[in-house]
Amino acid sequence: MKKRMFVIFICIASLALLASCSLKESYFEEDDGASLVGDEVTPTTPDYPVQEVRREYHPDGSYVTMGSVDSLTFRAADVVRAEVIDSRTERISMLRRQEGDMLCEEEIMQLARIHTIYRLKVLEVFLGDAAIGDVIEVMQAGGRLGDVEYINVRLQYLSYGDEYVFFLRNFDAIGLGHLPMALAGGEQSVYRVAPSLSNGIVAAYDANPGIEGMVFESIISWNEIVLTVWDLILIRYEAGLGPRPHNLQLPVGIDRGQLNIDIARAEYYLPVNYMLAGWDRVQDLLDIAIDVRDNPYSRQIHVNPASRRLRHEMFVLGIDTYAPLPTPPPPPPPPPPS
């Protein structure tokens, strides 16, 4: 009898010990936030609260709406077909340090805004100094950096690997040439390239001039500008980057009217109206424009680019190039008779 009771006691003690071990293992898993795998402990990822995003807003009234391909080209320094490689976000300040500035670098960066910067590989050039194969950067206001999101309701995200036609401007004339380029006319400056043109717009036109009326799709639905293959062929020709198009009819006479207006406007302003870098640039282009105007052998292909480049540099400096010509000051009165 005693022997039987001893066996029962041993069984009960063994069961109690097993239960204790099981409870201890269960408690360890729940309390420590870890899972047991053999003799190793693999920590699990804790649930952190979602980081709060602070939002800033871009002023919508800072945009200018373009009405034609000519007005878009006028604002552009470069027109290219390019592929989007990648992008990043960073804060960019449009201010620049000048002698006598009261702002320090930290204060300038506090006024900086978040921009999305795209890297583009140039595939074709219609206007400007870019070369095929160049990698250039283009910025748009807007994007997220850390816990701050800068809201620009007009920001249009571009797809990696896709090709677009870009109308771009730079900031060389105002001493900010180190910055990425910008869209010459906001979102109206970007057009998707159809797969049928991915081997080259000029090559496709040369093989079949009948595609001259083919329209590029804008990245925005409200764009009033209609960009065609013919527009790009003509821009390239007038920039001196390509031969005369097959069916281009040159005017009998040379129209120097707009060139004369641009020269008169540039000659009216004094150096004090320009930043130093911009003044030098305008003077260089003014000399070229005068040479083109006075050269009896100039053709329209020379006149139009000289006029457009001079007008573009004045526009970059903040001069209203569409306003009526300034009235020159009256001549001084003659001296009184002695």
Protein backbone atom coordinates (compact mmCIF):
# COMPACT_ATOMS: atom_id res chain seq x y z
CA MET A 1 0.00 0.00 0.00
CA LYS A 2 2.79 2.39 0.96
CA LYS A 3 4.66 1.45 -2.19
CA ARG A 4 1.56 2.26 -4.32
CA MET A 5 1.15 5.65 -2.59
CA PHE A 6 4.81 6.46 -3.25
CA VAL A 7 4.42 5.75 -6.99
CA ILE A 8 1.32 8.00 -7.18
CA PHE A 9 3.21 10.79 -5.39
CA ILE A 10 6.10 10.53 -7.87
CA CYS A 11 3.68 10.78 -10.83
CA ILE A 12 1.93 13.82 -9.38
CA ALA A 13 5.26 15.56 -8.73
CA SER A 14 6.43 14.91 -12.30
CA LEU A 15 3.22 16.34 -13.75
CA ALA A 16 3.58 19.45 -11.58
CA LEU A 17 7.15 19.97 -12.73
CA LEU A 18 6.17 19.71 -16.40
CA ALA A 19 3.32 22.18 -15.93
CA SER A 20 5.68 24.61 -14.22
CA CYS A 21 8.15 24.50 -17.13
CA SER A 22 5.35 25.01 -19.66
CA LEU A 23 4.01 28.04 -17.77
CA LYS A 24 7.49 29.52 -17.50
CA GLU A 25 8.09 29.19 -21.28
CA SER A 26 4.72 30.74 -22.10
CA TYR A 27 5.37 33.64 -19.72
CA PHE A 28 8.80 34.26 -21.28
CA GLU A 29 7.36 34.52 -24.81
CA GLU A 30 4.63 36.98 -23.87
CA ASP A 31 6.64 39.13 -21.48
CA ASP A 32 9.85 39.54 -23.42
CA GLY A 33 8.39 40.11 -26.86
CA ALA A 34 10.61 37.39 -28.30
CA SER A 35 10.20 33.98 -29.84
CA LEU A 36 12.15 30.91 -28.71
CA VAL A 37 13.98 28.99 -31.42
CA GLY A 38 16.02 26.19 -29.88
CA ASP A 39 18.48 27.85 -27.52
CA GLU A 40 18.44 31.26 -29.37
CA VAL A 41 16.17 34.24 -28.76
CA THR A 42 15.11 36.18 -31.85
CA PRO A 43 13.66 39.61 -30.93
CA THR A 44 10.48 40.67 -32.72
CA THR A 45 9.87 44.18 -34.13
CA PRO A 46 7.99 46.37 -31.64
CA ASP A 47 5.08 48.51 -32.80
CA TYR A 48 6.32 52.12 -32.87
CA PRO A 49 3.87 55.00 -33.35
CA VAL A 50 3.71 56.38 -36.93
CA GLN A 51 5.88 59.50 -37.32
CA GLU A 52 3.77 62.65 -37.58
CA VAL A 53 4.20 64.55 -40.85
CA ARG A 54 4.40 68.36 -40.81
CA ARG A 55 2.99 69.89 -43.99
CA GLU A 56 4.05 73.09 -45.73
CA TYR A 57 2.28 74.53 -48.77
CA HIS A 58 3.63 76.04 -51.98
CA PRO A 59 1.86 79.26 -53.10
CA ASP A 60 -0.28 78.33 -56.08
CA GLY A 61 -0.27 81.89 -57.43
CA SER A 62 3.44 81.72 -58.31
CA TYR A 63 2.81 80.07 -61.69
CA VAL A 64 2.61 81.64 -65.12
CA THR A 65 0.44 79.97 -67.76
CA MET A 66 1.96 79.65 -71.22
CA GLY A 67 -0.26 79.99 -74.28
CA SER A 68 1.87 78.71 -77.15
CA VAL A 69 4.95 76.73 -78.10
CA ASP A 70 6.68 80.02 -79.01
CA SER A 71 6.16 81.48 -75.53
CA LEU A 72 7.40 78.24 -73.97
CA THR A 73 10.47 78.15 -76.23
CA PHE A 74 11.20 81.79 -75.45
CA ARG A 75 11.53 81.02 -71.74
CA ALA A 76 13.64 77.90 -72.34
CA ALA A 77 17.43 77.63 -72.41
CA ASP A 78 17.32 73.95 -73.37
CA VAL A 79 14.77 71.72 -75.12
CA VAL A 80 15.65 68.03 -74.92
CA ARG A 81 14.28 64.52 -75.13
CA ALA A 82 15.47 62.73 -72.00
CA GLU A 83 14.95 59.62 -69.90
CA VAL A 84 14.23 59.86 -66.17
CA ILE A 85 16.96 57.99 -64.26
CA ASP A 86 16.14 58.61 -60.59
CA SER A 87 15.12 61.31 -58.13
CA ARG A 88 15.76 62.64 -54.64
CA THR A 89 14.43 65.38 -52.37
CA GLU A 90 16.37 68.16 -50.71
CA ARG A 91 15.94 71.70 -49.45
CA ILE A 92 16.96 74.38 -51.96
CA SER A 93 17.20 78.10 -51.36
CA MET A 94 16.76 80.51 -54.26
CA LEU A 95 18.61 83.20 -52.31
CA ARG A 96 22.28 83.88 -52.89
CA ARG A 97 24.92 85.49 -50.74
CA GLN A 98 25.91 88.97 -51.83
CA GLU A 99 28.39 91.38 -50.37
CA GLY A 100 26.77 93.16 -47.44
CA ASP A 101 24.08 90.52 -46.90
CA MET A 102 22.74 90.39 -43.36
CA LEU A 103 21.62 86.77 -43.74
CA CYS A 104 23.97 83.99 -42.70
CA GLU A 105 24.00 80.57 -44.38
CA GLU A 106 21.82 79.05 -41.65
CA GLU A 107 19.18 81.74 -42.10
CA ILE A 108 19.22 81.28 -45.86
CA MET A 109 18.66 77.53 -45.46
CA GLN A 110 15.76 78.19 -43.07
CA LEU A 111 14.04 79.91 -45.99
CA ALA A 112 14.78 76.97 -48.29
CA ARG A 113 11.93 74.84 -49.62
CA ILE A 114 11.77 71.12 -50.31
CA HIS A 115 12.22 70.22 -53.98
CA THR A 116 12.03 66.96 -55.89
CA ILE A 117 15.11 66.70 -58.12
CA TYR A 118 15.11 64.39 -61.14
CA ARG A 119 18.23 63.17 -62.92
CA LEU A 120 17.74 62.97 -66.67
CA LYS A 121 19.83 61.34 -69.37
CA VAL A 122 19.76 63.46 -72.54
CA LEU A 123 18.81 61.47 -75.62
CA GLU A 124 18.16 64.25 -78.17
CA VAL A 125 18.79 68.02 -78.25
CA PHE A 126 16.58 70.59 -79.99
CA LEU A 127 17.79 73.77 -78.28
CA GLY A 128 20.65 74.68 -75.96
CA ASP A 129 24.13 73.54 -75.03
CA ALA A 130 23.34 70.05 -73.70
CA ALA A 131 24.86 67.05 -75.47
CA ILE A 132 23.53 63.55 -76.06
CA GLY A 133 24.52 61.37 -73.13
CA ASP A 134 24.73 64.24 -70.63
CA VAL A 135 23.08 63.71 -67.25
CA ILE A 136 21.30 66.85 -66.09
CA GLU A 137 19.20 67.65 -63.03
CA VAL A 138 15.77 69.28 -63.00
CA MET A 139 13.94 70.44 -59.90
CA GLN A 140 10.27 70.90 -59.02
CA ALA A 141 9.00 72.47 -55.83
CA GLY A 142 7.35 69.85 -53.61
CA GLY A 143 8.03 66.46 -52.05
CA ARG A 144 8.75 64.88 -48.68
CA LEU A 145 11.99 65.06 -46.71
CA GLY A 146 12.06 63.32 -43.33
CA ASP A 147 8.97 64.29 -41.37
CA VAL A 148 8.19 67.36 -43.51
CA GLU A 149 6.05 67.25 -46.64
CA TYR A 150 6.04 70.31 -48.90
CA ILE A 151 2.70 70.32 -50.71
CA ASN A 152 2.68 71.66 -54.28
CA VAL A 153 -0.72 70.96 -55.83
CA ARG A 154 0.81 71.17 -59.30
CA LEU A 155 3.69 68.79 -58.66
CA GLN A 156 3.66 66.03 -61.26
CA TYR A 157 5.74 62.95 -60.48
CA LEU A 158 7.65 61.49 -63.42
CA SER A 159 8.14 57.75 -63.97
CA TYR A 160 11.60 56.20 -63.92
CA GLY A 161 12.67 54.83 -67.29
CA ASP A 162 10.11 56.86 -69.23
CA GLU A 163 11.08 59.42 -71.89
CA TYR A 164 9.80 62.98 -72.03
CA VAL A 165 10.40 66.19 -73.97
CA PHE A 166 11.49 68.92 -71.54
CA PHE A 167 11.58 72.71 -71.93
CA LEU A 168 14.12 73.81 -69.31
CA ARG A 169 15.59 77.02 -67.96
CA ASN A 170 18.66 77.70 -65.83
CA PHE A 171 19.69 80.35 -63.32
CA ASP A 172 23.10 81.32 -64.70
CA ALA A 173 22.16 84.93 -65.33
CA ILE A 174 21.27 85.58 -61.68
CA GLY A 175 24.35 83.93 -60.23
CA LEU A 176 22.68 80.65 -59.27
CA GLY A 177 24.11 78.46 -61.98
CA HIS A 178 24.98 75.77 -59.41
CA LEU A 179 21.30 74.95 -58.93
CA PRO A 180 19.50 72.25 -60.93
CA MET A 181 17.55 73.43 -63.95
CA ALA A 182 13.83 74.16 -63.68
CA LEU A 183 10.82 73.69 -65.95
CA ALA A 184 10.60 76.73 -68.23
CA GLY A 185 6.82 76.92 -68.03
CA GLY A 186 5.88 74.78 -65.05
CA GLU A 187 4.10 71.52 -65.82
CA GLN A 188 3.34 72.77 -69.33
CA SER A 189 7.01 72.11 -70.07
CA VAL A 190 6.91 68.28 -70.04
CA TYR A 191 5.49 65.95 -72.72
CA ARG A 192 5.50 62.17 -72.94
CA VAL A 193 7.36 60.54 -75.83
CA ALA A 194 5.44 57.77 -77.57
CA PRO A 195 7.21 54.39 -77.90
CA SER A 196 7.20 54.80 -81.69
CA LEU A 197 9.57 57.78 -81.27
CA SER A 198 11.91 56.18 -78.73
CA ASN A 199 14.63 55.70 -81.37
CA GLY A 200 14.74 59.43 -82.06
CA ILE A 201 12.21 62.10 -83.01
CA VAL A 202 14.43 63.55 -85.74
CA ALA A 203 15.21 60.08 -87.13
CA ALA A 204 11.50 59.25 -87.26
CA TYR A 205 10.75 62.53 -89.05
CA ASP A 206 13.58 62.04 -91.55
CA ALA A 207 12.26 58.56 -92.35
CA ASN A 208 8.67 59.76 -92.64
CA PRO A 209 8.03 63.53 -92.84
CA GLY A 210 4.32 62.76 -92.76
CA ILE A 211 4.46 62.45 -88.95
CA GLU A 212 5.10 66.20 -88.59
CA GLY A 213 1.61 66.70 -87.20
CA MET A 214 1.96 64.02 -84.51
CA VAL A 215 0.99 65.51 -81.13
CA PHE A 216 2.88 64.83 -77.88
CA GLU A 217 0.83 64.03 -74.79
CA SER A 218 1.18 66.58 -72.00
CA ILE A 219 1.65 65.32 -68.44
CA ILE A 220 -1.28 67.53 -67.39
CA SER A 221 -4.82 67.51 -68.72
CA TRP A 222 -5.41 71.27 -68.69
CA ASN A 223 -2.45 72.23 -70.91
CA GLU A 224 -3.56 74.49 -73.77
CA ILE A 225 -0.28 74.11 -75.65
CA VAL A 226 -0.27 71.59 -78.51
CA LEU A 227 3.29 70.38 -79.17
CA THR A 228 3.91 68.53 -82.43
CA VAL A 229 6.89 66.84 -84.07
CA TRP A 230 7.07 69.75 -86.50
CA ASP A 231 7.48 72.24 -83.62
CA LEU A 232 10.57 70.40 -82.38
CA ILE A 233 12.04 70.08 -85.88
CA LEU A 234 11.58 73.82 -86.39
CA ILE A 235 13.06 74.70 -82.97
CA ARG A 236 16.10 72.57 -83.77
CA TYR A 237 16.52 74.23 -87.17
CA GLU A 238 16.22 77.79 -85.84
CA ALA A 239 18.75 76.97 -83.11
CA GLY A 240 21.25 75.99 -85.79
CA LEU A 241 21.34 72.36 -84.62
CA GLY A 242 19.83 70.78 -87.70
CA PRO A 243 19.36 71.18 -91.46
CA ARG A 244 16.46 72.92 -93.10
CA PRO A 245 13.30 70.77 -92.82
CA HIS A 246 12.02 69.17 -96.00
CA ASN A 247 8.95 71.34 -96.50
CA LEU A 248 9.92 74.60 -94.80
CA GLN A 249 9.09 77.65 -96.90
CA LEU A 250 11.44 80.49 -96.08
CA PRO A 251 10.05 84.02 -96.35
CA VAL A 252 11.20 86.03 -99.35
CA GLY A 253 12.37 88.93 -97.18
CA ILE A 254 14.08 88.87 -93.79
CA ASP A 255 11.93 90.12 -90.90
CA ARG A 256 14.15 92.01 -88.46
CA GLY A 257 11.28 93.75 -86.68
CA GLN A 258 11.33 91.77 -83.42
CA LEU A 259 15.13 91.80 -83.39
CA ASN A 260 15.14 95.60 -83.63
CA ILE A 261 12.68 95.83 -80.73
CA ASP A 262 14.80 93.52 -78.56
CA ILE A 263 17.97 95.46 -79.34
CA ALA A 264 16.31 98.78 -78.51
CA ARG A 265 15.03 97.37 -75.22
CA ALA A 266 18.42 95.98 -74.23
CA GLU A 267 20.16 99.28 -75.09
CA TYR A 268 17.71 101.27 -72.99
CA TYR A 269 18.68 99.76 -69.64
CA LEU A 270 21.80 100.77 -67.73
CA PRO A 271 24.21 98.38 -65.95
CA VAL A 272 22.57 99.23 -62.63
CA ASN A 273 19.47 97.39 -63.85
CA TYR A 274 21.35 94.10 -64.08
CA MET A 275 23.20 91.80 -61.77
CA LEU A 276 26.84 91.60 -62.81
CA ALA A 277 26.72 88.14 -64.38
CA GLY A 278 23.45 88.94 -66.14
CA TRP A 279 24.71 92.28 -67.42
CA ASP A 280 27.77 90.70 -69.03
CA ARG A 281 25.64 87.98 -70.60
CA VAL A 282 23.13 90.48 -72.03
CA GLN A 283 25.94 92.62 -73.45
CA ASP A 284 27.49 89.61 -75.20
CA LEU A 285 24.15 88.66 -76.75
CA LEU A 286 23.41 92.29 -77.61
CA ASP A 287 26.67 92.52 -79.59
CA ILE A 288 25.74 89.31 -81.45
CA ALA A 289 22.23 90.61 -82.18
CA ILE A 290 23.59 93.88 -83.59
CA ASP A 291 26.03 91.98 -85.81
CA VAL A 292 23.19 89.78 -87.11
CA ARG A 293 20.96 92.81 -87.70
CA ASP A 294 23.63 94.73 -89.62
CA ASN A 295 24.92 91.78 -91.65
CA PRO A 296 23.38 91.96 -95.15
CA TYR A 297 23.88 88.20 -95.55
CA SER A 298 21.88 87.25 -92.45
CA ARG A 299 18.98 84.88 -92.99
CA GLN A 300 15.92 84.32 -90.85
CA ILE A 301 17.61 81.29 -89.33
CA HIS A 302 20.17 83.72 -87.85
CA VAL A 303 17.75 86.50 -86.93
CA ASN A 304 15.22 84.47 -84.93
CA PRO A 305 17.67 82.79 -82.50
CA ALA A 306 19.58 86.06 -81.92
CA SER A 307 16.32 87.78 -81.04
CA ARG A 308 15.03 84.95 -78.85
CA ARG A 309 18.27 84.53 -76.86
CA LEU A 310 18.59 88.25 -76.15
CA ARG A 311 14.94 88.42 -75.07
CA HIS A 312 15.37 85.33 -72.88
CA GLU A 313 18.31 86.81 -70.95
CA MET A 314 16.38 90.04 -70.33
CA PHE A 315 13.42 88.02 -69.12
CA VAL A 316 15.64 86.07 -66.69
CA LEU A 317 16.76 89.38 -65.20
CA GLY A 318 13.16 90.39 -64.52
CA ILE A 319 12.61 92.73 -67.47
CA ASP A 320 9.09 92.66 -68.94
CA THR A 321 9.93 91.86 -72.54
CA TYR A 322 6.30 92.14 -73.65
CA ALA A 323 5.73 95.64 -72.30
CA PRO A 324 5.77 98.59 -74.72
CA LEU A 325 9.20 99.97 -75.42
CA PRO A 326 10.29 102.49 -72.78
CA THR A 327 10.02 106.08 -73.87
CA PRO A 328 13.50 107.56 -74.06
CA PRO A 329 14.04 110.60 -71.87
CA PRO A 330 13.68 113.95 -73.68
CA PRO A 331 16.90 115.57 -74.80
CA PRO A 332 18.28 118.24 -72.50
CA PRO A 333 17.22 121.79 -73.36
CA PRO A 334 19.71 123.79 -75.36
CA PRO A 335 21.95 126.09 -73.35
CA PRO A 336 20.76 129.68 -73.08
CA PRO A 337 22.33 132.06 -75.55
CA SER A 338 25.37 133.76 -74.16
